[in-house]
C-alpha atoms as a PDB file:
ATOM      1  CA  MET A   1      -6.329  -1.753  10.422  1.00  0.00           C
ATOM      2  CA  ASN A   2      -6.407   0.829  13.189  1.00  0.00           C
ATOM      3  CA  THR A   3      -6.412   4.599  12.609  1.00  0.00           C
ATOM      4  CA  ASP A   4      -2.654   5.066  13.295  1.00  0.00           C
ATOM      5  CA  ASN A   5      -1.763   2.434  10.808  1.00  0.00           C
ATOM      6  CA  LEU A   6      -4.139   3.817   8.185  1.00  0.00           C
ATOM      7  CA  ASN A   7      -2.657   7.307   8.717  1.00  0.00           C
ATOM      8  CA  ALA A   8       0.889   5.903   8.271  1.00  0.00           C
ATOM      9  CA  LEU A   9      -0.212   4.071   5.118  1.00  0.00           C
ATOM     10  CA  ILE A  10      -1.886   7.228   3.665  1.00  0.00           C
ATOM     11  CA  GLU A  11       1.429   9.111   4.295  1.00  0.00           C
ATOM     12  CA  ARG A  12       3.371   6.416   2.472  1.00  0.00           C
ATOM     13  CA  VAL A  13       1.069   6.528  -0.463  1.00  0.00           C
ATOM     14  CA  ILE A  14       1.182  10.336  -0.648  1.00  0.00           C
ATOM     15  CA  GLY A  15       4.965  10.118  -0.407  1.00  0.00           C
ATOM     16  CA  ALA A  16       4.994   7.710  -3.290  1.00  0.00           C
ATOM     17  CA  ALA A  17       2.781  10.120  -5.341  1.00  0.00           C
ATOM     18  CA  PHE A  18       5.298  12.931  -4.606  1.00  0.00           C
ATOM     19  CA  GLU A  19       8.165  10.737  -5.726  1.00  0.00           C
ATOM     20  CA  VAL A  20       6.402   9.953  -8.988  1.00  0.00           C
ATOM     21  CA  SER A  21       5.674  13.579  -9.570  1.00  0.00           C
ATOM     22  CA  ASN A  22       9.357  14.553  -8.787  1.00  0.00           C
ATOM     23  CA  VAL A  23      10.681  12.117 -11.267  1.00  0.00           C
ATOM     24  CA  LEU A  24       8.169  12.453 -14.081  1.00  0.00           C
ATOM     25  CA  GLY A  25       6.864  16.013 -13.662  1.00  0.00           C
ATOM     26  CA  PRO A  26       3.526  17.162 -15.137  1.00  0.00           C
ATOM     27  CA  GLY A  27       2.157  16.516 -18.650  1.00  0.00           C
ATOM     28  CA  PHE A  28       1.796  12.778 -19.039  1.00  0.00           C
ATOM     29  CA  LEU A  29      -1.395  10.823 -19.400  1.00  0.00           C
ATOM     30  CA  GLU A  30      -3.067   9.412 -16.299  1.00  0.00           C
ATOM     31  CA  LYS A  31      -2.111   5.812 -17.258  1.00  0.00           C
ATOM     32  CA  VAL A  32       1.548   6.736 -17.121  1.00  0.00           C
ATOM     33  CA  TYR A  33       1.292   8.024 -13.584  1.00  0.00           C
ATOM     34  CA  GLU A  34      -0.778   4.943 -12.616  1.00  0.00           C
ATOM     35  CA  ARG A  35       2.005   2.609 -13.824  1.00  0.00           C
ATOM     36  CA  ALA A  36       4.746   4.659 -12.152  1.00  0.00           C
ATOM     37  CA  LEU A  37       2.813   4.868  -8.878  1.00  0.00           C
ATOM     38  CA  LEU A  38       2.269   1.082  -8.870  1.00  0.00           C
ATOM     39  CA  LYS A  39       6.087   0.609  -9.284  1.00  0.00           C
ATOM     40  CA  GLU A  40       6.838   3.087  -6.523  1.00  0.00           C
ATOM     41  CA  LEU A  41       4.362   1.414  -4.156  1.00  0.00           C
ATOM     42  CA  ALA A  42       5.946  -1.967  -4.888  1.00  0.00           C
ATOM     43  CA  LEU A  43       9.417  -0.448  -4.104  1.00  0.00           C
ATOM     44  CA  LEU A  44       7.977   0.533  -0.756  1.00  0.00           C
ATOM     45  CA  GLY A  45       6.824  -3.015  -0.156  1.00  0.00           C
ATOM     46  CA  LEU A  46       3.156  -2.146  -0.409  1.00  0.00           C
ATOM     47  CA  SER A  47       0.518  -4.302  -2.009  1.00  0.00           C
ATOM     48  CA  ALA A  48      -1.311  -2.404  -4.759  1.00  0.00           C
ATOM     49  CA  GLN A  49      -3.617  -3.577  -7.476  1.00  0.00           C
ATOM     50  CA  ALA A  50      -4.629  -1.466 -10.590  1.00  0.00           C
ATOM     51  CA  GLN A  51      -8.030  -1.314 -12.240  1.00  0.00           C
ATOM     52  CA  VAL A  52      -9.810  -3.042  -9.395  1.00  0.00           C
ATOM     53  CA  ARG A  53     -13.464  -4.045 -10.257  1.00  0.00           C
ATOM     54  CA  CYS A  54     -15.987  -2.648  -7.836  1.00  0.00           C
ATOM     55  CA  PRO A  55     -19.390  -4.259  -8.409  1.00  0.00           C
ATOM     56  CA  VAL A  56     -22.495  -2.267  -7.507  1.00  0.00           C
ATOM     57  CA  MET A  57     -25.081  -4.462  -5.897  1.00  0.00           C
ATOM     58  CA  TYR A  58     -28.864  -3.934  -5.801  1.00  0.00           C
ATOM     59  CA  LYS A  59     -30.921  -6.455  -3.782  1.00  0.00           C
ATOM     60  CA  GLY A  60     -28.145  -9.083  -4.082  1.00  0.00           C
ATOM     61  CA  GLN A  61     -27.607  -8.612  -7.837  1.00  0.00           C
ATOM     62  CA  CYS A  62     -24.855  -6.801  -9.656  1.00  0.00           C
ATOM     63  CA  VAL A  63     -26.310  -3.868 -11.625  1.00  0.00           C
ATOM     64  CA  GLY A  64     -23.031  -2.261 -12.673  1.00  0.00           C
ATOM     65  CA  GLU A  65     -19.379  -1.837 -11.801  1.00  0.00           C
ATOM     66  CA  TYR A  66     -16.748   0.689 -11.383  1.00  0.00           C
ATOM     67  CA  LEU A  67     -13.025   0.328 -12.035  1.00  0.00           C
ATOM     68  CA  SER A  68     -10.871   2.090  -9.399  1.00  0.00           C
ATOM     69  CA  ASP A  69      -7.450   3.130 -10.484  1.00  0.00           C
ATOM     70  CA  ILE A  70      -5.512   1.603  -7.599  1.00  0.00           C
ATOM     71  CA  VAL A  71      -6.410  -0.168  -4.296  1.00  0.00           C
ATOM     72  CA  VAL A  72      -3.474  -0.163  -1.785  1.00  0.00           C
ATOM     73  CA  GLU A  73      -3.219  -2.927   0.951  1.00  0.00           C
ATOM     74  CA  LYS A  74      -6.922  -3.584   0.394  1.00  0.00           C
ATOM     75  CA  GLU A  75      -7.571  -0.442   2.494  1.00  0.00           C
ATOM     76  CA  ILE A  76      -7.294   2.696   0.385  1.00  0.00           C
ATOM     77  CA  VAL A  77      -8.790   3.514  -2.965  1.00  0.00           C
ATOM     78  CA  VAL A  78      -6.442   5.837  -4.974  1.00  0.00           C
ATOM     79  CA  GLU A  79      -8.031   7.700  -7.827  1.00  0.00           C
ATOM     80  CA  LEU A  80      -5.653   9.505 -10.183  1.00  0.00           C
ATOM     81  CA  LYS A  81      -6.434  12.540 -12.264  1.00  0.00           C
ATOM     82  CA  CYS A  82      -4.580  14.807 -14.692  1.00  0.00           C
ATOM     83  CA  VAL A  83      -6.913  17.773 -14.669  1.00  0.00           C
ATOM     84  CA  GLU A  84      -6.728  21.565 -14.116  1.00  0.00           C
ATOM     85  CA  SER A  85      -8.634  21.200 -10.832  1.00  0.00           C
ATOM     86  CA  PHE A  86     -10.729  18.697  -8.986  1.00  0.00           C
ATOM     87  CA  THR A  87     -14.490  18.838  -9.460  1.00  0.00           C
ATOM     88  CA  ASN A  88     -17.416  17.694  -7.498  1.00  0.00           C
ATOM     89  CA  GLU A  89     -17.763  14.793 -10.059  1.00  0.00           C
ATOM     90  CA  HIS A  90     -14.261  13.563  -9.026  1.00  0.00           C
ATOM     91  CA  LEU A  91     -15.240  13.579  -5.378  1.00  0.00           C
ATOM     92  CA  ALA A  92     -18.540  11.764  -6.157  1.00  0.00           C
ATOM     93  CA  GLN A  93     -16.555   9.160  -8.081  1.00  0.00           C
ATOM     94  CA  CYS A  94     -14.405   8.437  -5.055  1.00  0.00           C
ATOM     95  CA  ILE A  95     -17.415   8.275  -2.781  1.00  0.00           C
ATOM     96  CA  ASN A  96     -19.059   5.772  -5.217  1.00  0.00           C
ATOM     97  CA  TYR A  97     -15.897   3.671  -5.185  1.00  0.00           C
ATOM     98  CA  LEU A  98     -15.912   3.652  -1.359  1.00  0.00           C
ATOM     99  CA  ARG A  99     -19.574   2.692  -1.304  1.00  0.00           C
ATOM    100  CA  ALA A 100     -19.060  -0.113  -3.783  1.00  0.00           C
ATOM    101  CA  THR A 101     -15.999  -1.565  -2.037  1.00  0.00           C
ATOM    102  CA  ASN A 102     -17.097  -0.858   1.622  1.00  0.00           C
ATOM    103  CA  LEU A 103     -13.753   0.786   2.233  1.00  0.00           C
ATOM    104  CA  LYS A 104     -13.485   3.977   4.285  1.00  0.00           C
ATOM    105  CA  LEU A 105     -10.541   5.878   2.735  1.00  0.00           C
ATOM    106  CA  ALA A 106      -9.770   7.252  -0.682  1.00  0.00           C
ATOM    107  CA  LEU A 107      -7.037   9.454  -2.052  1.00  0.00           C
ATOM    108  CA  LEU A 108      -7.758  11.655  -5.027  1.00  0.00           C
ATOM    109  CA  VAL A 109      -4.363  12.680  -6.578  1.00  0.00           C
ATOM    110  CA  ASN A 110      -3.851  15.173  -9.438  1.00  0.00           C
ATOM    111  CA  PHE A 111      -0.633  15.124 -11.353  1.00  0.00           C
ATOM    112  CA  GLN A 112      -1.559  17.885 -13.910  1.00  0.00           C
ATOM    113  CA  LYS A 113       0.385  20.702 -12.361  1.00  0.00           C
ATOM    114  CA  PRO A 114       3.964  21.092 -10.996  1.00  0.00           C
ATOM    115  CA  LYS A 115       2.358  20.940  -7.538  1.00  0.00           C
ATOM    116  CA  VAL A 116       0.894  17.558  -6.583  1.00  0.00           C
ATOM    117  CA  GLU A 117      -2.681  18.111  -5.375  1.00  0.00           C
ATOM    118  CA  TRP A 118      -4.547  15.603  -3.276  1.00  0.00           C
ATOM    119  CA  LYS A 119      -7.655  15.046  -1.245  1.00  0.00           C
ATOM    120  CA  ARG A 120      -8.168  12.531   1.521  1.00  0.00           C
ATOM    121  CA  ILE A 121     -11.740  11.304   1.589  1.00  0.00           C
ATOM    122  CA  VAL A 122     -13.093   9.513   4.699  1.00  0.00           C
ATOM    123  CA  TYR A 123     -16.502   7.913   4.293  1.00  0.00           C
ATOM    124  CA  ASN A 124     -18.831   5.949   6.347  1.00  0.00           C
ATOM    125  CA  LEU A 125     -22.162   4.299   5.438  1.00  0.00           C
ATOM    126  CA  TYR A 126     -24.258   7.460   6.109  1.00  0.00           C
ATOM    127  CA  PHE A 127     -22.288  10.454   5.126  1.00  0.00           C
ATOM    128  CA  LEU A 128     -19.033  11.958   4.044  1.00  0.00           C
ATOM    129  CA  ILE A 129     -17.128  12.646   7.225  1.00  0.00           C
ATOM    130  CA  CYS A 130     -14.392  14.910   6.018  1.00  0.00           C
ATOM    131  CA  VAL A 131     -12.171  15.880   3.075  1.00  0.00           C
ATOM    132  CA  HIS A 132      -8.591  16.932   3.589  1.00  0.00           C
ATOM    133  CA  SER A 133      -6.963  18.759   0.747  1.00  0.00           C
ATOM    134  CA  ARG A 134      -3.344  19.626   0.129  1.00  0.00           C
ATOM    135  CA  SER A 135      -1.037  20.815  -2.637  1.00  0.00           C
ATOM    136  CA  PHE A 136       2.705  20.605  -2.517  1.00  0.00           C
ATOM    137  CA  ALA A 137       5.460  21.531  -4.907  1.00  0.00           C
ATOM    138  CA  ALA A 138       6.987  18.536  -6.629  1.00  0.00           C
END
């Protein structure tokens, strides 16, 4: 998928997260937001899978696995949180998902507060390229 299409896809996923936040508001468990976001993404005609297994390989053998919250269109990892603020551990978790899946983009989304918070994480094999962060009122 080219950069313009990925950017458009990111915008649609973020818009879906805003819609979920507008309807539900803050205060629910992460799993509730996950289920609602899956439904909203389906309404938008996007393919999304929940709890996607991400095997960690070492010399051709699986030595562990992660479960990413949502993968959209087999292009974007979406990690949901209900926390006071993002931490370095949350960012590291997304980077590990990207490394395990060989995907390049992740969205870290926080539903804890009335303002939806999100970070866009772009990763390549060698280093974290950039992190964009936004917070908008629901």
